[in-house]
Amino acid sequence: MNITKTLNGDTLTITAAGWIDTLTAPDFHNEIEYLEDAKNVILDLGEVDYISSAGLREIVALYRRITEKGANFSVRKVQSEVMDVFTMTGFNKKIEIRTD
């Protein structure tokens, strides 16, 4: 799994690639634990092929941290297999998730 962070004005884009699973979720957590202050945070999952429950927990924790600070959070470019997981768990009703 690879993660890059790009700050453009008040928008932070976090781009992940690979699998976010039990083995990589701790690395994902470490990469997103300390974020710059941003009013908008976008998690780009366009290159994520698989997500496990451990990965979902990290995304939900990130969502909570960001929104508690009053910032906006969205997940973008979600592939169909990963979107199926968000839909099955109901997270698509809580978190703004887009496939584009």
PDB file of N, CA and C in Angstrom:
ATOM      1  N   MET A   1       0.825  -1.165   0.000  1.00  0.00           N
ATOM      2  CA  MET A   1       0.000   0.000   0.000  1.00  0.00           C
ATOM      3  C   MET A   1       0.882   1.246   0.000  1.00  0.00           C
ATOM      4  N   ASN A   2       0.515   2.199  -0.822  1.00  0.00           N
ATOM      5  CA  ASN A   2       1.205   3.484  -0.878  1.00  0.00           C
ATOM      6  C   ASN A   2       0.221   4.600  -0.565  1.00  0.00           C
ATOM      7  N   ILE A   3       0.706   5.630   0.112  1.00  0.00           N
ATOM      8  CA  ILE A   3      -0.126   6.788   0.429  1.00  0.00           C
ATOM      9  C   ILE A   3       0.653   8.055   0.111  1.00  0.00           C
ATOM     10  N   THR A   4      -0.028   8.986  -0.553  1.00  0.00           N
ATOM     11  CA  THR A   4       0.543  10.315  -0.768  1.00  0.00           C
ATOM     12  C   THR A   4      -0.459  11.338  -0.267  1.00  0.00           C
ATOM     13  N   LYS A   5       0.052  12.464   0.212  1.00  0.00           N
ATOM     14  CA  LYS A   5      -0.792  13.545   0.697  1.00  0.00           C
ATOM     15  C   LYS A   5      -0.421  14.808  -0.069  1.00  0.00           C
ATOM     16  N   THR A   6      -1.439  15.511  -0.547  1.00  0.00           N
ATOM     17  CA  THR A   6      -1.228  16.744  -1.288  1.00  0.00           C
ATOM     18  C   THR A   6      -2.124  17.825  -0.696  1.00  0.00           C
ATOM     19  N   LEU A   7      -1.516  18.928  -0.289  1.00  0.00           N
ATOM     20  CA  LEU A   7      -2.269  20.056   0.249  1.00  0.00           C
ATOM     21  C   LEU A   7      -2.351  21.129  -0.820  1.00  0.00           C
ATOM     22  N   ASN A   8      -3.565  21.504  -1.198  1.00  0.00           N
ATOM     23  CA  ASN A   8      -3.795  22.527  -2.208  1.00  0.00           C
ATOM     24  C   ASN A   8      -4.752  23.546  -1.596  1.00  0.00           C
ATOM     25  N   GLY A   9      -4.208  24.652  -1.129  1.00  0.00           N
ATOM     26  CA  GLY A   9      -5.025  25.630  -0.424  1.00  0.00           C
ATOM     27  C   GLY A   9      -5.520  25.038   0.875  1.00  0.00           C
ATOM     28  N   ASP A  10      -6.834  25.011   1.054  1.00  0.00           N
ATOM     29  CA  ASP A  10      -7.398  24.449   2.277  1.00  0.00           C
ATOM     30  C   ASP A  10      -7.950  23.037   2.067  1.00  0.00           C
ATOM     31  N   THR A  11      -7.523  22.380   0.960  1.00  0.00           N
ATOM     32  CA  THR A  11      -7.971  21.025   0.666  1.00  0.00           C
ATOM     33  C   THR A  11      -6.797  20.054   0.707  1.00  0.00           C
ATOM     34  N   LEU A  12      -6.931  19.043   1.549  1.00  0.00           N
ATOM     35  CA  LEU A  12      -5.920  17.987   1.652  1.00  0.00           C
ATOM     36  C   LEU A  12      -6.461  16.747   0.948  1.00  0.00           C
ATOM     37  N   THR A  13      -5.714  16.248  -0.028  1.00  0.00           N
ATOM     38  CA  THR A  13      -6.085  15.014  -0.712  1.00  0.00           C
ATOM     39  C   THR A  13      -5.131  13.913  -0.279  1.00  0.00           C
ATOM     40  N   ILE A  14      -5.707  12.836   0.216  1.00  0.00           N
ATOM     41  CA  ILE A  14      -4.944  11.658   0.608  1.00  0.00           C
ATOM     42  C   ILE A  14      -5.227  10.596  -0.448  1.00  0.00           C
ATOM     43  N   THR A  15      -4.192  10.147  -1.125  1.00  0.00           N
ATOM     44  CA  THR A  15      -4.355   9.157  -2.183  1.00  0.00           C
ATOM     45  C   THR A  15      -3.732   7.850  -1.720  1.00  0.00           C
ATOM     46  N   ALA A  16      -4.542   6.800  -1.744  1.00  0.00           N
ATOM     47  CA  ALA A  16      -4.068   5.476  -1.338  1.00  0.00           C
ATOM     48  C   ALA A  16      -4.067   4.556  -2.551  1.00  0.00           C
ATOM     49  N   ALA A  17      -3.138   3.605  -2.551  1.00  0.00           N
ATOM     50  CA  ALA A  17      -3.052   2.625  -3.644  1.00  0.00           C
ATOM     51  C   ALA A  17      -2.738   1.262  -3.035  1.00  0.00           C
ATOM     52  N   GLY A  18      -3.330   0.223  -3.605  1.00  0.00           N
ATOM     53  CA  GLY A  18      -3.079  -1.139  -3.134  1.00  0.00           C
ATOM     54  C   GLY A  18      -4.210  -1.641  -2.271  1.00  0.00           C
ATOM     55  N   TRP A  19      -3.885  -2.450  -1.287  1.00  0.00           N
ATOM     56  CA  TRP A  19      -4.867  -3.037  -0.388  1.00  0.00           C
ATOM     57  C   TRP A  19      -4.790  -2.327   0.955  1.00  0.00           C
ATOM     58  N   ILE A  20      -5.967  -2.092   1.562  1.00  0.00           N
ATOM     59  CA  ILE A  20      -6.022  -1.628   2.947  1.00  0.00           C
ATOM     60  C   ILE A  20      -6.667  -2.771   3.721  1.00  0.00           C
ATOM     61  N   ASP A  21      -5.818  -3.563   4.343  1.00  0.00           N
ATOM     62  CA  ASP A  21      -6.286  -4.766   5.026  1.00  0.00           C
ATOM     63  C   ASP A  21      -5.655  -4.852   6.413  1.00  0.00           C
ATOM     64  N   THR A  22      -5.775  -6.004   7.028  1.00  0.00           N
ATOM     65  CA  THR A  22      -5.249  -6.184   8.383  1.00  0.00           C
ATOM     66  C   THR A  22      -3.753  -5.905   8.464  1.00  0.00           C
ATOM     67  N   LEU A  23      -3.014  -6.274   7.441  1.00  0.00           N
ATOM     68  CA  LEU A  23      -1.562  -6.063   7.450  1.00  0.00           C
ATOM     69  C   LEU A  23      -1.177  -4.611   7.201  1.00  0.00           C
ATOM     70  N   THR A  24      -1.925  -3.911   6.348  1.00  0.00           N
ATOM     71  CA  THR A  24      -1.538  -2.545   5.968  1.00  0.00           C
ATOM     72  C   THR A  24      -2.291  -1.463   6.735  1.00  0.00           C
ATOM     73  N   ALA A  25      -3.367  -1.817   7.446  1.00  0.00           N
ATOM     74  CA  ALA A  25      -4.143  -0.815   8.192  1.00  0.00           C
ATOM     75  C   ALA A  25      -3.291  -0.045   9.210  1.00  0.00           C
ATOM     76  N   PRO A  26      -2.351  -0.686   9.927  1.00  0.00           N
ATOM     77  CA  PRO A  26      -1.505   0.091  10.839  1.00  0.00           C
ATOM     78  C   PRO A  26      -0.649   1.131  10.101  1.00  0.00           C
ATOM     79  N   ASP A  27      -0.141   0.790   8.926  1.00  0.00           N
ATOM     80  CA  ASP A  27       0.627   1.761   8.145  1.00  0.00           C
ATOM     81  C   ASP A  27      -0.278   2.904   7.673  1.00  0.00           C
ATOM     82  N   PHE A  28      -1.488   2.568   7.241  1.00  0.00           N
ATOM     83  CA  PHE A  28      -2.467   3.577   6.838  1.00  0.00           C
ATOM     84  C   PHE A  28      -2.728   4.515   8.009  1.00  0.00           C
ATOM     85  N   HIS A  29      -2.942   3.943   9.192  1.00  0.00           N
ATOM     86  CA  HIS A  29      -3.187   4.739  10.396  1.00  0.00           C
ATOM     87  C   HIS A  29      -2.030   5.699  10.672  1.00  0.00           C
ATOM     88  N   ASN A  30      -0.806   5.187  10.612  1.00  0.00           N
ATOM     89  CA  ASN A  30       0.366   6.026  10.872  1.00  0.00           C
ATOM     90  C   ASN A  30       0.482   7.174   9.878  1.00  0.00           C
ATOM     91  N   GLU A  31       0.124   6.919   8.629  1.00  0.00           N
ATOM     92  CA  GLU A  31       0.209   7.956   7.595  1.00  0.00           C
ATOM     93  C   GLU A  31      -0.842   9.049   7.761  1.00  0.00           C
ATOM     94  N   ILE A  32      -1.991   8.695   8.316  1.00  0.00           N
ATOM     95  CA  ILE A  32      -3.071   9.683   8.431  1.00  0.00           C
ATOM     96  C   ILE A  32      -3.280  10.180   9.850  1.00  0.00           C
ATOM     97  N   GLU A  33      -2.458   9.720  10.789  1.00  0.00           N
ATOM     98  CA  GLU A  33      -2.647  10.095  12.186  1.00  0.00           C
ATOM     99  C   GLU A  33      -2.497  11.594  12.393  1.00  0.00           C
ATOM    100  N   TYR A  34      -1.504  12.183  11.801  1.00  0.00           N
ATOM    101  CA  TYR A  34      -1.265  13.615  11.955  1.00  0.00           C
ATOM    102  C   TYR A  34      -1.460  14.277  10.605  1.00  0.00           C
ATOM    103  N   LEU A  35      -2.535  15.040  10.507  1.00  0.00           N
ATOM    104  CA  LEU A  35      -2.853  15.704   9.258  1.00  0.00           C
ATOM    105  C   LEU A  35      -2.725  17.211   9.426  1.00  0.00           C
ATOM    106  N   GLU A  36      -2.374  17.873   8.336  1.00  0.00           N
ATOM    107  CA  GLU A  36      -2.351  19.309   8.336  1.00  0.00           C
ATOM    108  C   GLU A  36      -3.772  19.814   8.554  1.00  0.00           C
ATOM    109  N   ASP A  37      -3.882  21.025   9.103  1.00  0.00           N
ATOM    110  CA  ASP A  37      -5.218  21.607   9.237  1.00  0.00           C
ATOM    111  C   ASP A  37      -5.737  21.927   7.856  1.00  0.00           C
ATOM    112  N   ALA A  38      -6.849  21.344   7.522  1.00  0.00           N
ATOM    113  CA  ALA A  38      -7.470  21.557   6.223  1.00  0.00           C
ATOM    114  C   ALA A  38      -8.975  21.631   6.432  1.00  0.00           C
ATOM    115  N   LYS A  39      -9.617  22.456   5.653  1.00  0.00           N
ATOM    116  CA  LYS A  39     -11.070  22.577   5.761  1.00  0.00           C
ATOM    117  C   LYS A  39     -11.775  21.469   4.993  1.00  0.00           C
ATOM    118  N   ASN A  40     -11.084  20.908   4.010  1.00  0.00           N
ATOM    119  CA  ASN A  40     -11.632  19.831   3.192  1.00  0.00           C
ATOM    120  C   ASN A  40     -10.615  18.707   3.102  1.00  0.00           C
ATOM    121  N   VAL A  41     -11.046  17.496   3.381  1.00  0.00           N
ATOM    122  CA  VAL A  41     -10.175  16.334   3.263  1.00  0.00           C
ATOM    123  C   VAL A  41     -10.837  15.358   2.301  1.00  0.00           C
ATOM    124  N   ILE A  42     -10.096  14.994   1.265  1.00  0.00           N
ATOM    125  CA  ILE A  42     -10.569  14.046   0.265  1.00  0.00           C
ATOM    126  C   ILE A  42      -9.689  12.806   0.344  1.00  0.00           C
ATOM    127  N   LEU A  43     -10.328  11.659   0.491  1.00  0.00           N
ATOM    128  CA  LEU A  43      -9.613  10.382   0.468  1.00  0.00           C
ATOM    129  C   LEU A  43      -9.856   9.756  -0.898  1.00  0.00           C
ATOM    130  N   ASP A  44      -8.816   9.697  -1.713  1.00  0.00           N
ATOM    131  CA  ASP A  44      -8.886   9.156  -3.071  1.00  0.00           C
ATOM    132  C   ASP A  44      -8.532   7.675  -3.017  1.00  0.00           C
ATOM    133  N   LEU A  45      -9.527   6.832  -3.293  1.00  0.00           N
ATOM    134  CA  LEU A  45      -9.318   5.387  -3.260  1.00  0.00           C
ATOM    135  C   LEU A  45      -9.315   4.784  -4.657  1.00  0.00           C
ATOM    136  N   GLY A  46      -9.041   5.582  -5.667  1.00  0.00           N
ATOM    137  CA  GLY A  46      -9.076   5.128  -7.048  1.00  0.00           C
ATOM    138  C   GLY A  46      -8.141   3.990  -7.362  1.00  0.00           C
ATOM    139  N   GLU A  47      -7.081   3.848  -6.592  1.00  0.00           N
ATOM    140  CA  GLU A  47      -6.111   2.774  -6.828  1.00  0.00           C
ATOM    141  C   GLU A  47      -6.156   1.704  -5.745  1.00  0.00           C
ATOM    142  N   VAL A  48      -7.216   1.718  -4.922  1.00  0.00           N
ATOM    143  CA  VAL A  48      -7.369   0.706  -3.882  1.00  0.00           C
ATOM    144  C   VAL A  48      -8.233  -0.420  -4.435  1.00  0.00           C
ATOM    145  N   ASP A  49      -7.674  -1.629  -4.454  1.00  0.00           N
ATOM    146  CA  ASP A  49      -8.344  -2.797  -5.019  1.00  0.00           C
ATOM    147  C   ASP A  49      -9.143  -3.590  -3.993  1.00  0.00           C
ATOM    148  N   TYR A  50      -8.801  -3.416  -2.724  1.00  0.00           N
ATOM    149  CA  TYR A  50      -9.424  -4.234  -1.684  1.00  0.00           C
ATOM    150  C   TYR A  50      -9.379  -3.483  -0.373  1.00  0.00           C
ATOM    151  N   ILE A  51     -10.454  -3.618   0.416  1.00  0.00           N
ATOM    152  CA  ILE A  51     -10.470  -3.037   1.756  1.00  0.00           C
ATOM    153  C   ILE A  51     -11.112  -4.037   2.709  1.00  0.00           C
ATOM    154  N   SER A  52     -10.486  -4.226   3.856  1.00  0.00           N
ATOM    155  CA  SER A  52     -11.011  -5.158   4.857  1.00  0.00           C
ATOM    156  C   SER A  52     -11.692  -4.359   5.971  1.00  0.00           C
ATOM    157  N   SER A  53     -12.215  -5.072   6.959  1.00  0.00           N
ATOM    158  CA  SER A  53     -12.844  -4.392   8.087  1.00  0.00           C
ATOM    159  C   SER A  53     -11.839  -3.521   8.840  1.00  0.00           C
ATOM    160  N   ALA A  54     -10.590  -3.932   8.874  1.00  0.00           N
ATOM    161  CA  ALA A  54      -9.557  -3.121   9.531  1.00  0.00           C
ATOM    162  C   ALA A  54      -9.363  -1.800   8.786  1.00  0.00           C
ATOM    163  N   GLY A  55      -9.393  -1.859   7.471  1.00  0.00           N
ATOM    164  CA  GLY A  55      -9.291  -0.645   6.673  1.00  0.00           C
ATOM    165  C   GLY A  55     -10.494   0.258   6.851  1.00  0.00           C
ATOM    166  N   LEU A  56     -11.679  -0.347   6.905  1.00  0.00           N
ATOM    167  CA  LEU A  56     -12.900   0.431   7.140  1.00  0.00           C
ATOM    168  C   LEU A  56     -12.848   1.153   8.480  1.00  0.00           C
ATOM    169  N   ARG A  57     -12.356   0.468   9.503  1.00  0.00           N
ATOM    170  CA  ARG A  57     -12.232   1.102  10.824  1.00  0.00           C
ATOM    171  C   ARG A  57     -11.358   2.334  10.756  1.00  0.00           C
ATOM    172  N   GLU A  58     -10.262   2.258  10.020  1.00  0.00           N
ATOM    173  CA  GLU A  58      -9.366   3.412   9.909  1.00  0.00           C
ATOM    174  C   GLU A  58     -10.037   4.572   9.173  1.00  0.00           C
ATOM    175  N   ILE A  59     -10.813   4.263   8.150  1.00  0.00           N
ATOM    176  CA  ILE A  59     -11.496   5.319   7.399  1.00  0.00           C
ATOM    177  C   ILE A  59     -12.575   5.967   8.257  1.00  0.00           C
ATOM    178  N   VAL A  60     -13.315   5.166   9.015  1.00  0.00           N
ATOM    179  CA  VAL A  60     -14.336   5.719   9.905  1.00  0.00           C
ATOM    180  C   VAL A  60     -13.687   6.580  10.988  1.00  0.00           C
ATOM    181  N   ALA A  61     -12.576   6.135  11.531  1.00  0.00           N
ATOM    182  CA  ALA A  61     -11.863   6.930  12.541  1.00  0.00           C
ATOM    183  C   ALA A  61     -11.385   8.248  11.946  1.00  0.00           C
ATOM    184  N   LEU A  62     -10.878   8.204  10.727  1.00  0.00           N
ATOM    185  CA  LEU A  62     -10.444   9.427  10.043  1.00  0.00           C
ATOM    186  C   LEU A  62     -11.634  10.352   9.822  1.00  0.00           C
ATOM    187  N   TYR A  63     -12.748   9.807   9.353  1.00  0.00           N
ATOM    188  CA  TYR A  63     -13.971  10.588   9.149  1.00  0.00           C
ATOM    189  C   TYR A  63     -14.374  11.302  10.435  1.00  0.00           C
ATOM    190  N   ARG A  64     -14.384  10.586  11.535  1.00  0.00           N
ATOM    191  CA  ARG A  64     -14.787  11.175  12.821  1.00  0.00           C
ATOM    192  C   ARG A  64     -13.837  12.292  13.246  1.00  0.00           C
ATOM    193  N   ARG A  65     -12.533  12.035  13.129  1.00  0.00           N
ATOM    194  CA  ARG A  65     -11.554  13.066  13.508  1.00  0.00           C
ATOM    195  C   ARG A  65     -11.722  14.331  12.684  1.00  0.00           C
ATOM    196  N   ILE A  66     -11.898  14.171  11.384  1.00  0.00           N
ATOM    197  CA  ILE A  66     -12.000  15.317  10.488  1.00  0.00           C
ATOM    198  C   ILE A  66     -13.279  16.102  10.754  1.00  0.00           C
ATOM    199  N   THR A  67     -14.401  15.398  10.843  1.00  0.00           N
ATOM    200  CA  THR A  67     -15.677  16.103  11.019  1.00  0.00           C
ATOM    201  C   THR A  67     -15.807  16.714  12.410  1.00  0.00           C
ATOM    202  N   GLU A  68     -15.186  16.122  13.417  1.00  0.00           N
ATOM    203  CA  GLU A  68     -15.207  16.712  14.760  1.00  0.00           C
ATOM    204  C   GLU A  68     -14.478  18.050  14.786  1.00  0.00           C
ATOM    205  N   LYS A  69     -13.520  18.227  13.885  1.00  0.00           N
ATOM    206  CA  LYS A  69     -12.804  19.502  13.778  1.00  0.00           C
ATOM    207  C   LYS A  69     -13.584  20.516  12.939  1.00  0.00           C
ATOM    208  N   GLY A  70     -14.743  20.093  12.418  1.00  0.00           N
ATOM    209  CA  GLY A  70     -15.557  20.993  11.613  1.00  0.00           C
ATOM    210  C   GLY A  70     -15.180  21.023  10.144  1.00  0.00           C
ATOM    211  N   ALA A  71     -14.323  20.116   9.724  1.00  0.00           N
ATOM    212  CA  ALA A  71     -13.897  20.065   8.320  1.00  0.00           C
ATOM    213  C   ALA A  71     -14.809  19.118   7.535  1.00  0.00           C
ATOM    214  N   ASN A  72     -14.741  19.214   6.231  1.00  0.00           N
ATOM    215  CA  ASN A  72     -15.494  18.343   5.335  1.00  0.00           C
ATOM    216  C   ASN A  72     -14.645  17.133   4.972  1.00  0.00           C
ATOM    217  N   PHE A  73     -15.295  15.986   4.834  1.00  0.00           N
ATOM    218  CA  PHE A  73     -14.591  14.755   4.489  1.00  0.00           C
ATOM    219  C   PHE A  73     -15.374  14.031   3.411  1.00  0.00           C
ATOM    220  N   SER A  74     -14.672  13.556   2.390  1.00  0.00           N
ATOM    221  CA  SER A  74     -15.312  12.748   1.361  1.00  0.00           C
ATOM    222  C   SER A  74     -14.335  11.706   0.838  1.00  0.00           C
ATOM    223  N   VAL A  75     -14.910  10.640   0.312  1.00  0.00           N
ATOM    224  CA  VAL A  75     -14.126   9.565  -0.297  1.00  0.00           C
ATOM    225  C   VAL A  75     -14.464   9.586  -1.775  1.00  0.00           C
ATOM    226  N   ARG A  76     -13.437   9.546  -2.616  1.00  0.00           N
ATOM    227  CA  ARG A  76     -13.642   9.682  -4.060  1.00  0.00           C
ATOM    228  C   ARG A  76     -13.001   8.536  -4.821  1.00  0.00           C
ATOM    229  N   LYS A  77     -13.441   8.405  -6.071  1.00  0.00           N
ATOM    230  CA  LYS A  77     -12.890   7.458  -7.050  1.00  0.00           C
ATOM    231  C   LYS A  77     -12.893   6.012  -6.557  1.00  0.00           C
ATOM    232  N   VAL A  78     -13.943   5.647  -5.850  1.00  0.00           N
ATOM    233  CA  VAL A  78     -14.028   4.311  -5.268  1.00  0.00           C
ATOM    234  C   VAL A  78     -14.360   3.292  -6.355  1.00  0.00           C
ATOM    235  N   GLN A  79     -13.555   2.252  -6.455  1.00  0.00           N
ATOM    236  CA  GLN A  79     -13.806   1.170  -7.411  1.00  0.00           C
ATOM    237  C   GLN A  79     -15.016   0.357  -6.954  1.00  0.00           C
ATOM    238  N   SER A  80     -15.644  -0.340  -7.887  1.00  0.00           N
ATOM    239  CA  SER A  80     -16.905  -1.028  -7.604  1.00  0.00           C
ATOM    240  C   SER A  80     -16.778  -2.068  -6.486  1.00  0.00           C
ATOM    241  N   GLU A  81     -15.683  -2.815  -6.446  1.00  0.00           N
ATOM    242  CA  GLU A  81     -15.521  -3.840  -5.413  1.00  0.00           C
ATOM    243  C   GLU A  81     -15.441  -3.209  -4.026  1.00  0.00           C
ATOM    244  N   VAL A  82     -14.744  -2.090  -3.929  1.00  0.00           N
ATOM    245  CA  VAL A  82     -14.616  -1.391  -2.652  1.00  0.00           C
ATOM    246  C   VAL A  82     -15.942  -0.715  -2.309  1.00  0.00           C
ATOM    247  N   MET A  83     -16.634  -0.170  -3.299  1.00  0.00           N
ATOM    248  CA  MET A  83     -17.939   0.451  -3.070  1.00  0.00           C
ATOM    249  C   MET A  83     -18.931  -0.571  -2.544  1.00  0.00           C
ATOM    250  N   ASP A  84     -18.850  -1.807  -3.023  1.00  0.00           N
ATOM    251  CA  ASP A  84     -19.719  -2.865  -2.517  1.00  0.00           C
ATOM    252  C   ASP A  84     -19.546  -3.038  -1.009  1.00  0.00           C
ATOM    253  N   VAL A  85     -18.323  -2.945  -0.529  1.00  0.00           N
ATOM    254  CA  VAL A  85     -18.048  -3.087   0.901  1.00  0.00           C
ATOM    255  C   VAL A  85     -18.657  -1.906   1.667  1.00  0.00           C
ATOM    256  N   PHE A  86     -18.489  -0.688   1.154  1.00  0.00           N
ATOM    257  CA  PHE A  86     -19.085   0.477   1.807  1.00  0.00           C
ATOM    258  C   PHE A  86     -20.610   0.347   1.846  1.00  0.00           C
ATOM    259  N   THR A  87     -21.195  -0.162   0.784  1.00  0.00           N
ATOM    260  CA  THR A  87     -22.653  -0.306   0.707  1.00  0.00           C
ATOM    261  C   THR A  87     -23.152  -1.398   1.653  1.00  0.00           C
ATOM    262  N   MET A  88     -22.467  -2.545   1.670  1.00  0.00           N
ATOM    263  CA  MET A  88     -22.873  -3.647   2.550  1.00  0.00           C
ATOM    264  C   MET A  88     -22.827  -3.251   4.018  1.00  0.00           C
ATOM    265  N   THR A  89     -21.868  -2.416   4.383  1.00  0.00           N
ATOM    266  CA  THR A  89     -21.719  -2.012   5.779  1.00  0.00           C
ATOM    267  C   THR A  89     -22.565  -0.796   6.134  1.00  0.00           C
ATOM    268  N   GLY A  90     -23.122  -0.140   5.123  1.00  0.00           N
ATOM    269  CA  GLY A  90     -23.945   1.047   5.368  1.00  0.00           C
ATOM    270  C   GLY A  90     -23.166   2.336   5.518  1.00  0.00           C
ATOM    271  N   PHE A  91     -21.854   2.276   5.366  1.00  0.00           N
ATOM    272  CA  PHE A  91     -21.048   3.487   5.519  1.00  0.00           C
ATOM    273  C   PHE A  91     -21.338   4.511   4.428  1.00  0.00           C
ATOM    274  N   ASN A  92     -21.846   4.044   3.299  1.00  0.00           N
ATOM    275  CA  ASN A  92     -22.167   4.971   2.216  1.00  0.00           C
ATOM    276  C   ASN A  92     -23.307   5.909   2.600  1.00  0.00           C
ATOM    277  N   LYS A  93     -24.039   5.593   3.659  1.00  0.00           N
ATOM    278  CA  LYS A  93     -25.115   6.462   4.123  1.00  0.00           C
ATOM    279  C   LYS A  93     -24.620   7.511   5.112  1.00  0.00           C
ATOM    280  N   LYS A  94     -23.458   7.295   5.688  1.00  0.00           N
ATOM    281  CA  LYS A  94     -22.881   8.225   6.657  1.00  0.00           C
ATOM    282  C   LYS A  94     -21.811   9.126   6.045  1.00  0.00           C
ATOM    283  N   ILE A  95     -20.999   8.548   5.193  1.00  0.00           N
ATOM    284  CA  ILE A  95     -19.848   9.241   4.623  1.00  0.00           C
ATOM    285  C   ILE A  95     -20.137   9.554   3.154  1.00  0.00           C
ATOM    286  N   GLU A  96     -19.761  10.750   2.726  1.00  0.00           N
ATOM    287  CA  GLU A  96     -19.918  11.086   1.312  1.00  0.00           C
ATOM    288  C   GLU A  96     -18.915  10.253   0.514  1.00  0.00           C
ATOM    289  N   ILE A  97     -19.426   9.356  -0.326  1.00  0.00           N
ATOM    290  CA  ILE A  97     -18.588   8.466  -1.113  1.00  0.00           C
ATOM    291  C   ILE A  97     -19.017   8.595  -2.564  1.00  0.00           C
ATOM    292  N   ARG A  98     -18.033   8.880  -3.439  1.00  0.00           N
ATOM    293  CA  ARG A  98     -18.315   9.032  -4.858  1.00  0.00           C
ATOM    294  C   ARG A  98     -17.402   8.124  -5.661  1.00  0.00           C
ATOM    295  N   THR A  99     -17.921   7.639  -6.779  1.00  0.00           N
ATOM    296  CA  THR A  99     -17.117   6.772  -7.638  1.00  0.00           C
ATOM    297  C   THR A  99     -16.370   7.564  -8.701  1.00  0.00           C
ATOM    298  N   ASP A 100     -16.591   8.868  -8.794  1.00  0.00           N
ATOM    299  CA  ASP A 100     -15.877   9.683  -9.790  1.00  0.00           C
ATOM    300  C   ASP A 100     -14.807  10.544  -9.173  1.00  0.00           C
TER     301      ASP A 100
END
